[in-house]
């Protein structure tokens, strides 16, 4: 089975094939369906999928906000439109993944990196 980050990379390259157009909202709904299908079929979540659960809290810390809005809505708020937000999602995801590889590094609530 394809790992989550590999799937996201495929979507980034060819969004029309997976979600119709480069839209962060459509990407979010696709991933909700992906998550739901795992639950319904009893498929255990991979390490990447477990890690991705931390994307929302990480994003809120990065933008210094507290909200119940989805990560897609947060990114859209800081973007020009859906297509720009789609691009920004992948930029933010790359930053998130890079920080996850540094377990002793935390993003402080003021946006500074602490060790």
Protein backbone atom coordinates (compact mmCIF):
# COMPACT_ATOMS: atom_id res chain seq x y z
CA UNK A 1 0.00 0.00 0.00
CA UNK A 2 1.20 3.51 -0.79
CA UNK A 3 2.46 5.51 2.18
CA UNK A 4 0.65 8.77 2.96
CA UNK A 5 3.50 11.09 2.01
CA UNK A 6 4.03 9.22 -1.28
CA UNK A 7 0.32 9.60 -2.03
CA UNK A 8 0.46 13.31 -1.23
CA UNK A 9 3.46 13.67 -3.54
CA UNK A 10 1.46 12.05 -6.35
CA UNK A 11 -1.46 14.40 -5.69
CA UNK A 12 0.90 17.38 -5.73
CA UNK A 13 2.25 16.37 -9.15
CA UNK A 14 -1.13 15.48 -10.70
CA UNK A 15 -3.99 16.92 -8.63
CA UNK A 16 -6.48 16.50 -11.48
CA UNK A 17 -6.04 12.75 -11.36
CA UNK A 18 -6.93 12.53 -7.67
CA UNK A 19 -8.98 15.54 -6.56
CA UNK A 20 -10.02 17.32 -9.77
CA UNK A 21 -8.15 20.59 -9.35
CA UNK A 22 -5.41 22.05 -7.15
CA UNK A 23 -7.64 22.92 -4.19
CA UNK A 24 -6.65 22.69 -0.52
CA UNK A 25 -10.31 22.15 0.43
CA UNK A 26 -10.65 19.25 -2.01
CA UNK A 27 -7.36 17.82 -0.74
CA UNK A 28 -8.66 18.04 2.83
CA UNK A 29 -11.88 16.21 1.89
CA UNK A 30 -9.88 13.54 0.04
CA UNK A 31 -7.76 12.97 3.14
CA UNK A 32 -10.88 12.82 5.33
CA UNK A 33 -12.16 10.03 3.07
CA UNK A 34 -8.77 8.32 3.17
CA UNK A 35 -8.80 8.42 6.98
CA UNK A 36 -12.41 7.24 7.16
CA UNK A 37 -11.75 4.30 4.82
CA UNK A 38 -8.91 3.14 7.06
CA UNK A 39 -11.22 3.23 10.07
CA UNK A 40 -14.07 1.45 8.28
CA UNK A 41 -11.82 -1.29 6.91
CA UNK A 42 -9.87 -1.71 10.14
CA UNK A 43 -6.58 -0.81 8.45
CA UNK A 44 -4.04 0.27 11.07
CA UNK A 45 -2.59 3.74 10.64
CA UNK A 46 1.02 3.92 9.47
CA UNK A 47 3.71 5.92 11.25
CA UNK A 48 3.37 8.64 8.60
CA UNK A 49 -0.38 8.84 9.17
CA UNK A 50 0.14 9.07 12.93
CA UNK A 51 2.76 11.77 12.40
CA UNK A 52 0.43 13.73 10.10
CA UNK A 53 -2.10 14.00 12.95
CA UNK A 54 0.34 16.48 14.49
CA UNK A 55 0.20 18.74 11.42
CA UNK A 56 -2.85 20.66 12.68
CA UNK A 57 -1.38 21.50 16.12
CA UNK A 58 1.97 22.33 14.49
CA UNK A 59 0.24 24.68 12.02
CA UNK A 60 -1.64 26.45 14.79
CA UNK A 61 1.61 27.03 16.67
CA UNK A 62 3.31 28.27 13.52
CA UNK A 63 0.58 30.83 12.84
CA UNK A 64 0.04 31.57 16.54
CA UNK A 65 -3.67 30.80 16.44
CA UNK A 66 -6.07 28.63 18.38
CA UNK A 67 -8.98 27.40 16.30
CA UNK A 68 -11.29 24.50 15.68
CA UNK A 69 -11.04 25.18 11.93
CA UNK A 70 -9.33 22.54 9.80
CA UNK A 71 -5.75 22.89 8.65
CA UNK A 72 -7.15 23.51 5.16
CA UNK A 73 -9.15 26.53 6.39
CA UNK A 74 -6.15 27.88 8.28
CA UNK A 75 -3.93 27.63 5.20
CA UNK A 76 -6.67 29.15 3.02
CA UNK A 77 -6.91 32.10 5.40
CA UNK A 78 -3.24 32.88 4.72
CA UNK A 79 -3.46 32.29 0.95
CA UNK A 80 -4.76 34.17 -2.08
CA UNK A 81 -7.09 31.39 -3.26
CA UNK A 82 -7.59 27.60 -3.31
CA UNK A 83 -4.75 26.97 -5.78
CA UNK A 84 -2.34 29.14 -3.79
CA UNK A 85 -3.41 27.36 -0.60
CA UNK A 86 -2.81 23.99 -2.30
CA UNK A 87 0.77 25.08 -3.10
CA UNK A 88 1.21 26.50 0.39
CA UNK A 89 0.05 23.23 1.95
CA UNK A 90 2.93 21.35 0.35
CA UNK A 91 5.43 24.03 1.37
CA UNK A 92 4.15 23.84 4.95
CA UNK A 93 4.11 20.04 4.87
CA UNK A 94 7.78 20.00 3.81
CA UNK A 95 8.62 22.32 6.70
CA UNK A 96 6.59 20.17 9.12
CA UNK A 97 8.29 16.96 7.96
CA UNK A 98 11.74 18.52 8.26
CA UNK A 99 11.00 19.53 11.85
CA UNK A 100 9.63 16.07 12.66
CA UNK A 101 13.00 14.58 11.71
CA UNK A 102 14.56 16.67 14.49
CA UNK A 103 12.88 15.21 17.61
CA UNK A 104 14.77 17.44 20.02
CA UNK A 105 13.61 20.59 18.23
CA UNK A 106 10.29 22.12 19.17
CA UNK A 107 8.51 25.14 17.74
CA UNK A 108 7.78 27.44 20.66
CA UNK A 109 4.45 29.25 20.94
CA UNK A 110 6.17 32.48 19.91
CA UNK A 111 7.36 30.85 16.67
CA UNK A 112 10.98 30.46 17.77
CA UNK A 113 12.73 27.11 17.61
CA UNK A 114 13.89 25.74 20.95
CA UNK A 115 16.17 22.78 21.59
